[in-house]
Amino acid sequence: MAETIFGPTLTLSTGRIIPTRWVGEQHVKEDLGFIPSFADWVKAIRPEPWMGRSAHIEALVDPHFASPVVEVS
């Protein structure tokens, strides 16, 4: 996110150019003590009931999955 806002590098008042990502990583290390992995991040998500519900979209994506149409006369 920092790279999106500030660009890939930052120029210090001394003229030194440093990667924006490095600055962001330093902030995370100061706050958390480590850089969390994707697995760490996923484990921290609390599942909510709505997260498990999903609509079946197969018929919308592939018509061969659609239920056959039955005509009643």
PDB file of N, CA and C in Angstrom:
ATOM      1  N   MET A   1       0.821  -1.184   0.000  1.00  0.00           N
ATOM      2  CA  MET A   1       0.000   0.000   0.000  1.00  0.00           C
ATOM      3  C   MET A   1       0.868   1.252   0.000  1.00  0.00           C
ATOM      4  N   ALA A   2       1.943   1.243   0.764  1.00  0.00           N
ATOM      5  CA  ALA A   2       2.817   2.414   0.835  1.00  0.00           C
ATOM      6  C   ALA A   2       3.435   2.714  -0.529  1.00  0.00           C
ATOM      7  N   GLU A   3       3.785   1.655  -1.276  1.00  0.00           N
ATOM      8  CA  GLU A   3       4.363   1.871  -2.597  1.00  0.00           C
ATOM      9  C   GLU A   3       3.347   2.500  -3.545  1.00  0.00           C
ATOM     10  N   THR A   4       2.084   2.152  -3.378  1.00  0.00           N
ATOM     11  CA  THR A   4       1.035   2.726  -4.214  1.00  0.00           C
ATOM     12  C   THR A   4       0.902   4.218  -3.938  1.00  0.00           C
ATOM     13  N   ILE A   5       1.004   4.599  -2.688  1.00  0.00           N
ATOM     14  CA  ILE A   5       0.832   6.001  -2.306  1.00  0.00           C
ATOM     15  C   ILE A   5       2.098   6.825  -2.546  1.00  0.00           C
ATOM     16  N   PHE A   6       3.244   6.291  -2.118  1.00  0.00           N
ATOM     17  CA  PHE A   6       4.487   7.070  -2.138  1.00  0.00           C
ATOM     18  C   PHE A   6       5.422   6.740  -3.295  1.00  0.00           C
ATOM     19  N   GLY A   7       5.141   5.669  -4.033  1.00  0.00           N
ATOM     20  CA  GLY A   7       6.028   5.254  -5.108  1.00  0.00           C
ATOM     21  C   GLY A   7       7.011   4.211  -4.618  1.00  0.00           C
ATOM     22  N   PRO A   8       7.822   3.660  -5.535  1.00  0.00           N
ATOM     23  CA  PRO A   8       8.721   2.564  -5.160  1.00  0.00           C
ATOM     24  C   PRO A   8       9.898   2.984  -4.285  1.00  0.00           C
ATOM     25  N   THR A   9      10.291   4.256  -4.341  1.00  0.00           N
ATOM     26  CA  THR A   9      11.422   4.724  -3.526  1.00  0.00           C
ATOM     27  C   THR A   9      11.104   6.058  -2.879  1.00  0.00           C
ATOM     28  N   LEU A  10      11.844   6.361  -1.820  1.00  0.00           N
ATOM     29  CA  LEU A  10      11.749   7.651  -1.132  1.00  0.00           C
ATOM     30  C   LEU A  10      13.130   8.290  -1.144  1.00  0.00           C
ATOM     31  N   THR A  11      13.160   9.601  -1.293  1.00  0.00           N
ATOM     32  CA  THR A  11      14.435  10.316  -1.242  1.00  0.00           C
ATOM     33  C   THR A  11      14.508  11.073   0.079  1.00  0.00           C
ATOM     34  N   LEU A  12      15.522  10.759   0.872  1.00  0.00           N
ATOM     35  CA  LEU A  12      15.714  11.415   2.164  1.00  0.00           C
ATOM     36  C   LEU A  12      16.263  12.827   1.955  1.00  0.00           C
ATOM     37  N   SER A  13      16.235  13.632   3.001  1.00  0.00           N
ATOM     38  CA  SER A  13      16.754  14.999   2.919  1.00  0.00           C
ATOM     39  C   SER A  13      18.251  15.017   2.612  1.00  0.00           C
ATOM     40  N   THR A  14      18.932  13.915   2.901  1.00  0.00           N
ATOM     41  CA  THR A  14      20.369  13.808   2.626  1.00  0.00           C
ATOM     42  C   THR A  14      20.639  13.455   1.161  1.00  0.00           C
ATOM     43  N   GLY A  15      19.570  13.138   0.412  1.00  0.00           N
ATOM     44  CA  GLY A  15      19.720  12.739  -0.975  1.00  0.00           C
ATOM     45  C   GLY A  15      19.756  11.238  -1.170  1.00  0.00           C
ATOM     46  N   ARG A  16      19.836  10.505  -0.088  1.00  0.00           N
ATOM     47  CA  ARG A  16      19.863   9.040  -0.161  1.00  0.00           C
ATOM     48  C   ARG A  16      18.494   8.527  -0.596  1.00  0.00           C
ATOM     49  N   ILE A  17      18.479   7.556  -1.487  1.00  0.00           N
ATOM     50  CA  ILE A  17      17.242   6.963  -1.982  1.00  0.00           C
ATOM     51  C   ILE A  17      17.082   5.587  -1.328  1.00  0.00           C
ATOM     52  N   ILE A  18      15.919   5.368  -0.711  1.00  0.00           N
ATOM     53  CA  ILE A  18      15.648   4.088  -0.049  1.00  0.00           C
ATOM     54  C   ILE A  18      14.329   3.517  -0.557  1.00  0.00           C
ATOM     55  N   PRO A  19      14.206   2.199  -0.558  1.00  0.00           N
ATOM     56  CA  PRO A  19      12.947   1.577  -0.997  1.00  0.00           C
ATOM     57  C   PRO A  19      11.806   1.854  -0.015  1.00  0.00           C
ATOM     58  N   THR A  20      10.671   2.215  -0.536  1.00  0.00           N
ATOM     59  CA  THR A  20       9.480   2.454   0.289  1.00  0.00           C
ATOM     60  C   THR A  20       9.093   1.189   1.045  1.00  0.00           C
ATOM     61  N   ARG A  21       9.244   0.038   0.403  1.00  0.00           N
ATOM     62  CA  ARG A  21       8.893  -1.229   1.040  1.00  0.00           C
ATOM     63  C   ARG A  21       9.709  -1.437   2.312  1.00  0.00           C
ATOM     64  N   TRP A  22      10.981  -1.066   2.282  1.00  0.00           N
ATOM     65  CA  TRP A  22      11.848  -1.230   3.455  1.00  0.00           C
ATOM     66  C   TRP A  22      11.302  -0.415   4.629  1.00  0.00           C
ATOM     67  N   VAL A  23      10.869   0.810   4.350  1.00  0.00           N
ATOM     68  CA  VAL A  23      10.318   1.666   5.408  1.00  0.00           C
ATOM     69  C   VAL A  23       9.057   1.024   5.990  1.00  0.00           C
ATOM     70  N   GLY A  24       8.184   0.519   5.121  1.00  0.00           N
ATOM     71  CA  GLY A  24       6.967  -0.140   5.589  1.00  0.00           C
ATOM     72  C   GLY A  24       7.258  -1.369   6.425  1.00  0.00           C
ATOM     73  N   GLU A  25       8.252  -2.158   5.981  1.00  0.00           N
ATOM     74  CA  GLU A  25       8.614  -3.352   6.739  1.00  0.00           C
ATOM     75  C   GLU A  25       9.164  -2.995   8.116  1.00  0.00           C
ATOM     76  N   GLN A  26       9.921  -1.916   8.204  1.00  0.00           N
ATOM     77  CA  GLN A  26      10.464  -1.483   9.498  1.00  0.00           C
ATOM     78  C   GLN A  26       9.332  -1.096  10.448  1.00  0.00           C
ATOM     79  N   HIS A  27       8.309  -0.421   9.920  1.00  0.00           N
ATOM     80  CA  HIS A  27       7.167  -0.039  10.760  1.00  0.00           C
ATOM     81  C   HIS A  27       6.440  -1.279  11.281  1.00  0.00           C
ATOM     82  N   VAL A  28       6.248  -2.276  10.413  1.00  0.00           N
ATOM     83  CA  VAL A  28       5.570  -3.501  10.839  1.00  0.00           C
ATOM     84  C   VAL A  28       6.400  -4.216  11.897  1.00  0.00           C
ATOM     85  N   LYS A  29       7.714  -4.303  11.686  1.00  0.00           N
ATOM     86  CA  LYS A  29       8.588  -4.956  12.670  1.00  0.00           C
ATOM     87  C   LYS A  29       8.548  -4.242  14.019  1.00  0.00           C
ATOM     88  N   GLU A  30       8.485  -2.904  13.996  1.00  0.00           N
ATOM     89  CA  GLU A  30       8.413  -2.148  15.248  1.00  0.00           C
ATOM     90  C   GLU A  30       7.092  -2.419  15.968  1.00  0.00           C
ATOM     91  N   ASP A  31       6.008  -2.508  15.206  1.00  0.00           N
ATOM     92  CA  ASP A  31       4.687  -2.705  15.815  1.00  0.00           C
ATOM     93  C   ASP A  31       4.464  -4.147  16.266  1.00  0.00           C
ATOM     94  N   LEU A  32       4.830  -5.126  15.424  1.00  0.00           N
ATOM     95  CA  LEU A  32       4.521  -6.527  15.704  1.00  0.00           C
ATOM     96  C   LEU A  32       5.718  -7.342  16.176  1.00  0.00           C
ATOM     97  N   GLY A  33       6.904  -6.875  15.886  1.00  0.00           N
ATOM     98  CA  GLY A  33       8.099  -7.615  16.250  1.00  0.00           C
ATOM     99  C   GLY A  33       8.571  -8.568  15.160  1.00  0.00           C
ATOM    100  N   PHE A  34       7.764  -8.762  14.125  1.00  0.00           N
ATOM    101  CA  PHE A  34       8.116  -9.643  13.004  1.00  0.00           C
ATOM    102  C   PHE A  34       7.231  -9.294  11.810  1.00  0.00           C
ATOM    103  N   ILE A  35       7.594  -9.794  10.641  1.00  0.00           N
ATOM    104  CA  ILE A  35       6.758  -9.635   9.451  1.00  0.00           C
ATOM    105  C   ILE A  35       5.876 -10.881   9.368  1.00  0.00           C
ATOM    106  N   PRO A  36       4.561 -10.731   9.535  1.00  0.00           N
ATOM    107  CA  PRO A  36       3.701 -11.905   9.494  1.00  0.00           C
ATOM    108  C   PRO A  36       3.624 -12.501   8.087  1.00  0.00           C
ATOM    109  N   SER A  37       3.542 -13.818   8.031  1.00  0.00           N
ATOM    110  CA  SER A  37       3.369 -14.507   6.754  1.00  0.00           C
ATOM    111  C   SER A  37       1.887 -14.492   6.386  1.00  0.00           C
ATOM    112  N   PHE A  38       1.579 -14.953   5.182  1.00  0.00           N
ATOM    113  CA  PHE A  38       0.184 -15.068   4.775  1.00  0.00           C
ATOM    114  C   PHE A  38      -0.552 -16.018   5.713  1.00  0.00           C
ATOM    115  N   ALA A  39       0.110 -17.117   6.096  1.00  0.00           N
ATOM    116  CA  ALA A  39      -0.509 -18.097   7.009  1.00  0.00           C
ATOM    117  C   ALA A  39      -0.838 -17.447   8.356  1.00  0.00           C
ATOM    118  N   ASP A  40       0.048 -16.596   8.864  1.00  0.00           N
ATOM    119  CA  ASP A  40      -0.213 -15.885  10.123  1.00  0.00           C
ATOM    120  C   ASP A  40      -1.450 -15.010   9.979  1.00  0.00           C
ATOM    121  N   TRP A  41      -1.555 -14.332   8.853  1.00  0.00           N
ATOM    122  CA  TRP A  41      -2.671 -13.418   8.607  1.00  0.00           C
ATOM    123  C   TRP A  41      -3.989 -14.194   8.525  1.00  0.00           C
ATOM    124  N   VAL A  42      -3.980 -15.316   7.789  1.00  0.00           N
ATOM    125  CA  VAL A  42      -5.203 -16.109   7.638  1.00  0.00           C
ATOM    126  C   VAL A  42      -5.649 -16.698   8.972  1.00  0.00           C
ATOM    127  N   LYS A  43      -4.697 -17.159   9.786  1.00  0.00           N
ATOM    128  CA  LYS A  43      -5.055 -17.731  11.093  1.00  0.00           C
ATOM    129  C   LYS A  43      -5.721 -16.705  12.004  1.00  0.00           C
ATOM    130  N   ALA A  44      -5.447 -15.431  11.777  1.00  0.00           N
ATOM    131  CA  ALA A  44      -5.985 -14.382  12.637  1.00  0.00           C
ATOM    132  C   ALA A  44      -7.410 -13.974  12.254  1.00  0.00           C
ATOM    133  N   ILE A  45      -7.904 -14.452  11.129  1.00  0.00           N
ATOM    134  CA  ILE A  45      -9.260 -14.098  10.695  1.00  0.00           C
ATOM    135  C   ILE A  45     -10.271 -14.895  11.501  1.00  0.00           C
ATOM    136  N   ARG A  46     -11.221 -14.214  12.087  1.00  0.00           N
ATOM    137  CA  ARG A  46     -12.293 -14.891  12.819  1.00  0.00           C
ATOM    138  C   ARG A  46     -13.417 -15.217  11.840  1.00  0.00           C
ATOM    139  N   PRO A  47     -13.710 -16.486  11.642  1.00  0.00           N
ATOM    140  CA  PRO A  47     -14.785 -16.847  10.703  1.00  0.00           C
ATOM    141  C   PRO A  47     -16.140 -16.329  11.191  1.00  0.00           C
ATOM    142  N   GLU A  48     -16.901 -15.793  10.274  1.00  0.00           N
ATOM    143  CA  GLU A  48     -18.258 -15.337  10.540  1.00  0.00           C
ATOM    144  C   GLU A  48     -19.213 -16.265   9.783  1.00  0.00           C
ATOM    145  N   PRO A  49     -20.446 -16.418  10.266  1.00  0.00           N
ATOM    146  CA  PRO A  49     -21.389 -17.326   9.594  1.00  0.00           C
ATOM    147  C   PRO A  49     -21.582 -17.018   8.110  1.00  0.00           C
ATOM    148  N   TRP A  50     -21.601 -15.746   7.742  1.00  0.00           N
ATOM    149  CA  TRP A  50     -21.837 -15.403   6.342  1.00  0.00           C
ATOM    150  C   TRP A  50     -20.687 -15.824   5.433  1.00  0.00           C
ATOM    151  N   MET A  51     -19.510 -16.055   5.996  1.00  0.00           N
ATOM    152  CA  MET A  51     -18.353 -16.442   5.188  1.00  0.00           C
ATOM    153  C   MET A  51     -18.495 -17.862   4.635  1.00  0.00           C
ATOM    154  N   GLY A  52     -19.292 -18.702   5.287  1.00  0.00           N
ATOM    155  CA  GLY A  52     -19.454 -20.077   4.853  1.00  0.00           C
ATOM    156  C   GLY A  52     -20.587 -20.280   3.866  1.00  0.00           C
ATOM    157  N   ARG A  53     -21.454 -19.303   3.744  1.00  0.00           N
ATOM    158  CA  ARG A  53     -22.580 -19.430   2.821  1.00  0.00           C
ATOM    159  C   ARG A  53     -22.154 -19.015   1.429  1.00  0.00           C
ATOM    160  N   SER A  54     -22.557 -19.800   0.470  1.00  0.00           N
ATOM    161  CA  SER A  54     -22.287 -19.417  -0.909  1.00  0.00           C
ATOM    162  C   SER A  54     -23.412 -19.924  -1.787  1.00  0.00           C
ATOM    163  N   ALA A  55     -23.681 -19.186  -2.818  1.00  0.00           N
ATOM    164  CA  ALA A  55     -24.692 -19.596  -3.776  1.00  0.00           C
ATOM    165  C   ALA A  55     -24.020 -20.466  -4.834  1.00  0.00           C
ATOM    166  N   HIS A  56     -24.751 -21.413  -5.345  1.00  0.00           N
ATOM    167  CA  HIS A  56     -24.223 -22.263  -6.398  1.00  0.00           C
ATOM    168  C   HIS A  56     -24.326 -21.507  -7.719  1.00  0.00           C
ATOM    169  N   ILE A  57     -23.200 -21.195  -8.303  1.00  0.00           N
ATOM    170  CA  ILE A  57     -23.200 -20.404  -9.529  1.00  0.00           C
ATOM    171  C   ILE A  57     -22.852 -21.229 -10.763  1.00  0.00           C
ATOM    172  N   GLU A  58     -22.749 -22.553 -10.609  1.00  0.00           N
ATOM    173  CA  GLU A  58     -22.350 -23.384 -11.728  1.00  0.00           C
ATOM    174  C   GLU A  58     -23.252 -23.179 -12.942  1.00  0.00           C
ATOM    175  N   ALA A  59     -24.566 -23.090 -12.713  1.00  0.00           N
ATOM    176  CA  ALA A  59     -25.504 -22.937 -13.826  1.00  0.00           C
ATOM    177  C   ALA A  59     -25.300 -21.610 -14.543  1.00  0.00           C
ATOM    178  N   LEU A  60     -24.857 -20.612 -13.831  1.00  0.00           N
ATOM    179  CA  LEU A  60     -24.603 -19.322 -14.469  1.00  0.00           C
ATOM    180  C   LEU A  60     -23.311 -19.346 -15.282  1.00  0.00           C
ATOM    181  N   VAL A  61     -22.366 -20.126 -14.829  1.00  0.00           N
ATOM    182  CA  VAL A  61     -21.061 -20.182 -15.474  1.00  0.00           C
ATOM    183  C   VAL A  61     -21.051 -21.189 -16.620  1.00  0.00           C
ATOM    184  N   ASP A  62     -21.663 -22.362 -16.406  1.00  0.00           N
ATOM    185  CA  ASP A  62     -21.660 -23.430 -17.404  1.00  0.00           C
ATOM    186  C   ASP A  62     -23.077 -23.971 -17.550  1.00  0.00           C
ATOM    187  N   PRO A  63     -23.714 -23.740 -18.690  1.00  0.00           N
ATOM    188  CA  PRO A  63     -25.113 -24.178 -18.855  1.00  0.00           C
ATOM    189  C   PRO A  63     -25.296 -25.694 -18.757  1.00  0.00           C
ATOM    190  N   HIS A  64     -24.238 -26.491 -18.913  1.00  0.00           N
ATOM    191  CA  HIS A  64     -24.356 -27.946 -18.795  1.00  0.00           C
ATOM    192  C   HIS A  64     -24.647 -28.371 -17.357  1.00  0.00           C
ATOM    193  N   PHE A  65     -24.367 -27.496 -16.402  1.00  0.00           N
ATOM    194  CA  PHE A  65     -24.652 -27.795 -15.001  1.00  0.00           C
ATOM    195  C   PHE A  65     -26.081 -27.434 -14.611  1.00  0.00           C
ATOM    196  N   ALA A  66     -26.799 -26.755 -15.494  1.00  0.00           N
ATOM    197  CA  ALA A  66     -28.154 -26.308 -15.187  1.00  0.00           C
ATOM    198  C   ALA A  66     -29.083 -27.509 -15.036  1.00  0.00           C
ATOM    199  N   SER A  67     -30.069 -27.359 -14.165  1.00  0.00           N
ATOM    200  CA  SER A  67     -31.059 -28.413 -13.995  1.00  0.00           C
ATOM    201  C   SER A  67     -31.886 -28.523 -15.281  1.00  0.00           C
ATOM    202  N   PRO A  68     -32.258 -29.740 -15.663  1.00  0.00           N
ATOM    203  CA  PRO A  68     -33.061 -29.874 -16.895  1.00  0.00           C
ATOM    204  C   PRO A  68     -34.426 -29.216 -16.711  1.00  0.00           C
ATOM    205  N   VAL A  69     -34.906 -28.633 -17.795  1.00  0.00           N
ATOM    206  CA  VAL A  69     -36.214 -27.976 -17.766  1.00  0.00           C
ATOM    207  C   VAL A  69     -37.272 -29.045 -18.053  1.00  0.00           C
ATOM    208  N   VAL A  70     -38.248 -29.116 -17.185  1.00  0.00           N
ATOM    209  CA  VAL A  70     -39.333 -30.084 -17.335  1.00  0.00           C
ATOM    210  C   VAL A  70     -40.602 -29.320 -17.656  1.00  0.00           C
ATOM    211  N   GLU A  71     -41.194 -29.611 -18.814  1.00  0.00           N
ATOM    212  CA  GLU A  71     -42.439 -28.941 -19.178  1.00  0.00           C
ATOM    213  C   GLU A  71     -43.619 -29.740 -18.659  1.00  0.00           C
ATOM    214  N   VAL A  72     -44.547 -29.030 -18.060  1.00  0.00           N
ATOM    215  CA  VAL A  72     -45.756 -29.665 -17.529  1.00  0.00           C
ATOM    216  C   VAL A  72     -46.923 -29.201 -18.389  1.00  0.00           C
ATOM    217  N   SER A  73     -47.700 -30.180 -18.918  1.00  0.00           N
ATOM    218  CA  SER A  73     -48.834 -29.777 -19.748  1.00  0.00           C
ATOM    219  C   SER A  73     -50.151 -30.079 -19.106  1.00  0.00           C
TER     220      SER A  73
END
